[in-house]
Amino acid sequence: MGERRTFEVGVIDRLWTQRYAVALDDLDPLYFDEDHARAQGYRGIIARPNYAPTIRDQAAAGPAEDEMRPDGLPLQAGPPVPGLAAMGGGQQIAFHEPVYCGERIVAEKQVVRVDRQQGRSGPMVIVEEEIRYATSEGTPKVTLRNTILYRVLEKDASHAA
């Protein structure tokens, strides 16, 4: 449906994946101990299965404060339609193969569905995007399907300066 955009996630860094696991209080030795991971049949230390989907776009410093909408998203986030406020509508994640520390990961992002529906608080637009994470050689790792709900506002408060 939408244009496919590929972006470089980069090399999966062991320290950052371990910090992520610690932050989630998940001290599974698969994320910390090379010998343990190999004894369990892995090639080496792996990242938590949901680590790659936390990287949802090209790494960047982020927009300046005056380039943000009141709902906390960058001005260019979502469809460029005045009068929409965004909120999360859920995610589905399919895990294909473990992501190993040291692997170079690329992602392909595409809008796969756009619908307009009537919600309890009025009209809304539902956008589903799919992000496929794979090694630079093309081995599928994780697929994230993200749903974003855009509520249509009576006034254009979502893009107000």
Foldseek 3Di string as FASTA:
>chain_A
DFDKDKDWPFFAALVVLVVVCVVVVNVPCLSPPQVVVVVVPDPGRFGPLCPVVVSPHHDDPDDDPVQAWPLGHGCPPDDNDFQWHKDWDDKDKDFDATHHGGFTKMKMKGWDDWDWDADPVGIKIKIWMKIWIATPVRHTGMIMITIMIIDGHPDRRRNDD
